[in-house]
Amino acid sequence: MNPILALLKENNISDEQINELFQTLTQNPLAAMATIGQLGLPQDKLQLLMGQVMQNPALIKDAVEELGLDFSKVEEAKQKLQNQRQQ
């Protein structure tokens, strides 16, 4: 199992919440960051999660694919975010 998904499940985050988080991630990465903050993870677990993502961004793609979501939507959202920053 993907380490991001495992960490969320270990901290009693429901499958529904995990799916919602990754759905949000595929549509709006900034909103996903706010959603992560609302999950109620202890600060040390939140830091661990962020550290894993920063060290290995491919974990997000793996998690999205493991959940059966469309990773191309993540790429589209990332491109939109970059375009907004350039304006």
N, C-alpha and C. Protein backbone atom coordinates (compact mmCIF):
# COMPACT_ATOMS: atom_id res chain seq x y z
N MET A 1 0.85 -1.19 0.00
CA MET A 1 0.00 0.00 0.00
C MET A 1 0.89 1.24 0.00
N ASN A 2 0.42 2.24 -0.70
CA ASN A 2 1.12 3.52 -0.76
C ASN A 2 1.30 4.08 0.66
N PRO A 3 2.50 4.60 0.98
CA PRO A 3 2.74 5.10 2.34
C PRO A 3 1.84 6.27 2.75
N ILE A 4 1.43 7.08 1.79
CA ILE A 4 0.52 8.19 2.11
C ILE A 4 -0.83 7.62 2.55
N LEU A 5 -1.33 6.69 1.77
CA LEU A 5 -2.62 6.07 2.10
C LEU A 5 -2.53 5.31 3.41
N ALA A 6 -1.42 4.61 3.62
CA ALA A 6 -1.24 3.85 4.86
C ALA A 6 -1.24 4.78 6.06
N LEU A 7 -0.55 5.90 5.97
CA LEU A 7 -0.49 6.86 7.09
C LEU A 7 -1.87 7.41 7.39
N LEU A 8 -2.62 7.74 6.35
CA LEU A 8 -3.98 8.26 6.57
C LEU A 8 -4.87 7.22 7.23
N LYS A 9 -4.80 5.98 6.76
CA LYS A 9 -5.63 4.92 7.34
C LYS A 9 -5.22 4.62 8.78
N GLU A 10 -3.92 4.66 9.06
CA GLU A 10 -3.43 4.42 10.43
C GLU A 10 -3.96 5.46 11.40
N ASN A 11 -4.29 6.64 10.88
CA ASN A 11 -4.79 7.72 11.72
C ASN A 11 -6.30 7.87 11.62
N ASN A 12 -6.95 6.74 11.30
CA ASN A 12 -8.41 6.66 11.30
C ASN A 12 -9.09 7.62 10.34
N ILE A 13 -8.43 7.91 9.21
CA ILE A 13 -9.07 8.70 8.17
C ILE A 13 -9.84 7.70 7.31
N SER A 14 -11.12 7.92 7.14
CA SER A 14 -11.97 6.97 6.43
C SER A 14 -11.64 6.92 4.94
N ASP A 15 -12.01 5.81 4.32
CA ASP A 15 -11.81 5.67 2.88
C ASP A 15 -12.52 6.80 2.14
N GLU A 16 -13.70 7.17 2.62
CA GLU A 16 -14.46 8.25 1.99
C GLU A 16 -13.69 9.57 2.06
N GLN A 17 -13.12 9.88 3.24
CA GLN A 17 -12.34 11.10 3.38
C GLN A 17 -11.09 11.07 2.49
N ILE A 18 -10.45 9.92 2.40
CA ILE A 18 -9.26 9.78 1.57
C ILE A 18 -9.62 10.01 0.11
N ASN A 19 -10.71 9.40 -0.33
CA ASN A 19 -11.15 9.60 -1.72
C ASN A 19 -11.48 11.06 -1.99
N GLU A 20 -12.18 11.71 -1.05
CA GLU A 20 -12.51 13.13 -1.21
C GLU A 20 -11.25 13.97 -1.31
N LEU A 21 -10.26 13.67 -0.46
CA LEU A 21 -9.00 14.41 -0.47
C LEU A 21 -8.33 14.30 -1.83
N PHE A 22 -8.24 13.10 -2.36
CA PHE A 22 -7.56 12.92 -3.64
C PHE A 22 -8.40 13.42 -4.80
N GLN A 23 -9.72 13.40 -4.68
CA GLN A 23 -10.57 14.02 -5.71
C GLN A 23 -10.29 15.53 -5.73
N THR A 24 -10.22 16.13 -4.54
CA THR A 24 -9.91 17.56 -4.45
C THR A 24 -8.53 17.84 -5.03
N LEU A 25 -7.58 16.97 -4.72
CA LEU A 25 -6.22 17.13 -5.23
C LEU A 25 -6.20 17.13 -6.75
N THR A 26 -7.00 16.28 -7.37
CA THR A 26 -7.01 16.22 -8.83
C THR A 26 -7.67 17.45 -9.45
N GLN A 27 -8.47 18.17 -8.66
CA GLN A 27 -9.17 19.33 -9.19
C GLN A 27 -8.51 20.64 -8.79
N ASN A 28 -8.00 20.70 -7.57
CA ASN A 28 -7.46 21.96 -7.06
C ASN A 28 -6.45 21.66 -5.95
N PRO A 29 -5.16 21.58 -6.31
CA PRO A 29 -4.15 21.22 -5.31
C PRO A 29 -4.12 22.14 -4.08
N LEU A 30 -4.40 23.43 -4.27
CA LEU A 30 -4.39 24.34 -3.12
C LEU A 30 -5.51 24.00 -2.15
N ALA A 31 -6.67 23.67 -2.67
CA ALA A 31 -7.79 23.28 -1.81
C ALA A 31 -7.47 21.98 -1.08
N ALA A 32 -6.73 21.11 -1.74
CA ALA A 32 -6.36 19.84 -1.10
C ALA A 32 -5.49 20.09 0.13
N MET A 33 -4.65 21.10 0.08
CA MET A 33 -3.81 21.41 1.24
C MET A 33 -4.68 21.82 2.42
N ALA A 34 -5.72 22.61 2.16
CA ALA A 34 -6.63 23.00 3.23
C ALA A 34 -7.38 21.79 3.76
N THR A 35 -7.78 20.90 2.85
CA THR A 35 -8.50 19.69 3.25
C THR A 35 -7.64 18.82 4.14
N ILE A 36 -6.37 18.68 3.80
CA ILE A 36 -5.45 17.89 4.63
C ILE A 36 -5.41 18.45 6.05
N GLY A 37 -5.36 19.77 6.16
CA GLY A 37 -5.32 20.42 7.46
C GLY A 37 -6.57 20.17 8.29
N GLN A 38 -7.69 19.91 7.62
CA GLN A 38 -8.97 19.70 8.32
C GLN A 38 -9.19 18.25 8.73
N LEU A 39 -8.28 17.36 8.36
CA LEU A 39 -8.46 15.95 8.69
C LEU A 39 -8.20 15.65 10.16
N GLY A 40 -7.57 16.59 10.86
CA GLY A 40 -7.32 16.39 12.28
C GLY A 40 -6.14 15.49 12.58
N LEU A 41 -5.21 15.39 11.64
CA LEU A 41 -4.01 14.60 11.90
C LEU A 41 -3.16 15.28 12.96
N PRO A 42 -2.54 14.52 13.84
CA PRO A 42 -1.61 15.12 14.80
C PRO A 42 -0.48 15.80 14.03
N GLN A 43 0.06 16.87 14.59
CA GLN A 43 1.07 17.67 13.91
C GLN A 43 2.25 16.83 13.43
N ASP A 44 2.71 15.88 14.25
CA ASP A 44 3.86 15.08 13.85
C ASP A 44 3.53 14.20 12.65
N LYS A 45 2.31 13.68 12.58
CA LYS A 45 1.89 12.85 11.44
C LYS A 45 1.72 13.70 10.19
N LEU A 46 1.21 14.91 10.37
CA LEU A 46 1.06 15.83 9.25
C LEU A 46 2.42 16.19 8.67
N GLN A 47 3.39 16.45 9.53
CA GLN A 47 4.74 16.75 9.07
C GLN A 47 5.36 15.56 8.36
N LEU A 48 5.12 14.36 8.87
CA LEU A 48 5.62 13.14 8.24
C LEU A 48 5.02 12.99 6.84
N LEU A 49 3.73 13.21 6.73
CA LEU A 49 3.04 13.12 5.45
C LEU A 49 3.62 14.11 4.45
N MET A 50 3.76 15.36 4.88
CA MET A 50 4.30 16.40 3.99
C MET A 50 5.75 16.08 3.60
N GLY A 51 6.51 15.58 4.54
CA GLY A 51 7.89 15.22 4.26
C GLY A 51 7.98 14.12 3.21
N GLN A 52 7.11 13.13 3.32
CA GLN A 52 7.11 12.04 2.34
C GLN A 52 6.79 12.57 0.95
N VAL A 53 5.80 13.45 0.88
CA VAL A 53 5.40 14.00 -0.42
C VAL A 53 6.52 14.85 -1.01
N MET A 54 7.18 15.65 -0.18
CA MET A 54 8.25 16.52 -0.68
C MET A 54 9.46 15.70 -1.14
N GLN A 55 9.77 14.63 -0.41
CA GLN A 55 10.91 13.81 -0.77
C GLN A 55 10.63 12.94 -1.99
N ASN A 56 9.39 12.55 -2.16
CA ASN A 56 9.03 11.66 -3.25
C ASN A 56 7.66 12.02 -3.81
N PRO A 57 7.60 13.07 -4.65
CA PRO A 57 6.31 13.49 -5.20
C PRO A 57 5.58 12.40 -5.99
N ALA A 58 6.30 11.40 -6.47
CA ALA A 58 5.67 10.31 -7.22
C ALA A 58 4.68 9.54 -6.35
N LEU A 59 4.79 9.66 -5.03
CA LEU A 59 3.84 8.99 -4.13
C LEU A 59 2.42 9.47 -4.37
N ILE A 60 2.26 10.73 -4.75
CA ILE A 60 0.92 11.26 -5.03
C ILE A 60 0.34 10.54 -6.24
N LYS A 61 1.15 10.42 -7.29
CA LYS A 61 0.67 9.72 -8.48
C LYS A 61 0.31 8.28 -8.15
N ASP A 62 1.16 7.62 -7.38
CA ASP A 62 0.88 6.24 -6.99
C ASP A 62 -0.42 6.13 -6.21
N ALA A 63 -0.64 7.06 -5.28
CA ALA A 63 -1.86 7.03 -4.47
C ALA A 63 -3.10 7.28 -5.33
N VAL A 64 -3.00 8.25 -6.24
CA VAL A 64 -4.12 8.56 -7.13
C VAL A 64 -4.47 7.33 -7.97
N GLU A 65 -3.44 6.68 -8.50
CA GLU A 65 -3.69 5.49 -9.32
C GLU A 65 -4.23 4.34 -8.48
N GLU A 66 -3.72 4.18 -7.26
CA GLU A 66 -4.21 3.12 -6.38
C GLU A 66 -5.69 3.32 -6.04
N LEU A 67 -6.11 4.57 -5.97
CA LEU A 67 -7.51 4.89 -5.68
C LEU A 67 -8.39 4.83 -6.93
N GLY A 68 -7.76 4.62 -8.09
CA GLY A 68 -8.51 4.52 -9.34
C GLY A 68 -8.93 5.86 -9.90
N LEU A 69 -8.22 6.92 -9.53
CA LEU A 69 -8.53 8.25 -10.05
C LEU A 69 -7.66 8.55 -11.25
N ASP A 70 -7.96 9.63 -11.94
CA ASP A 70 -7.26 10.01 -13.16
C ASP A 70 -6.13 10.98 -12.84
N PHE A 71 -4.88 10.51 -12.94
CA PHE A 71 -3.74 11.37 -12.60
C PHE A 71 -3.58 12.53 -13.58
N SER A 72 -4.06 12.39 -14.79
CA SER A 72 -3.93 13.50 -15.75
C SER A 72 -4.63 14.74 -15.22
N LYS A 73 -5.67 14.54 -14.38
CA LYS A 73 -6.37 15.69 -13.78
C LYS A 73 -5.44 16.43 -12.81
N VAL A 74 -4.57 15.72 -12.13
CA VAL A 74 -3.59 16.35 -11.24
C VAL A 74 -2.65 17.22 -12.07
N GLU A 75 -2.19 16.67 -13.19
CA GLU A 75 -1.29 17.41 -14.07
C GLU A 75 -1.97 18.66 -14.62
N GLU A 76 -3.24 18.53 -15.01
CA GLU A 76 -3.99 19.69 -15.50
C GLU A 76 -4.11 20.76 -14.42
N ALA A 77 -4.44 20.35 -13.21
CA ALA A 77 -4.58 21.30 -12.10
C ALA A 77 -3.25 21.98 -11.81
N LYS A 78 -2.17 21.21 -11.86
CA LYS A 78 -0.84 21.77 -11.62
C LYS A 78 -0.50 22.82 -12.68
N GLN A 79 -0.83 22.52 -13.93
CA GLN A 79 -0.56 23.47 -15.02
C GLN A 79 -1.38 24.74 -14.85
N LYS A 80 -2.65 24.61 -14.47
CA LYS A 80 -3.49 25.78 -14.23
C LYS A 80 -2.91 26.64 -13.12
N LEU A 81 -2.43 25.99 -12.06
CA LEU A 81 -1.84 26.70 -10.94
C LEU A 81 -0.60 27.47 -11.39
N GLN A 82 0.24 26.84 -12.19
CA GLN A 82 1.45 27.50 -12.69
C GLN A 82 1.08 28.68 -13.58
N ASN A 83 0.06 28.51 -14.41
CA ASN A 83 -0.38 29.60 -15.28
C ASN A 83 -0.90 30.79 -14.47
N GLN A 84 -1.63 30.50 -13.40
CA GLN A 84 -2.16 31.57 -12.55
C GLN A 84 -1.02 32.34 -11.87
N ARG A 85 0.00 31.64 -11.47
CA ARG A 85 1.14 32.28 -10.81
C ARG A 85 1.90 33.18 -11.77
N GLN A 86 1.92 32.85 -13.05
CA GLN A 86 2.66 33.63 -14.03
C GLN A 86 1.93 34.90 -14.45
N GLN A 87 0.64 34.98 -14.16
CA GLN A 87 -0.15 36.15 -14.58
C GLN A 87 0.01 37.30 -13.64
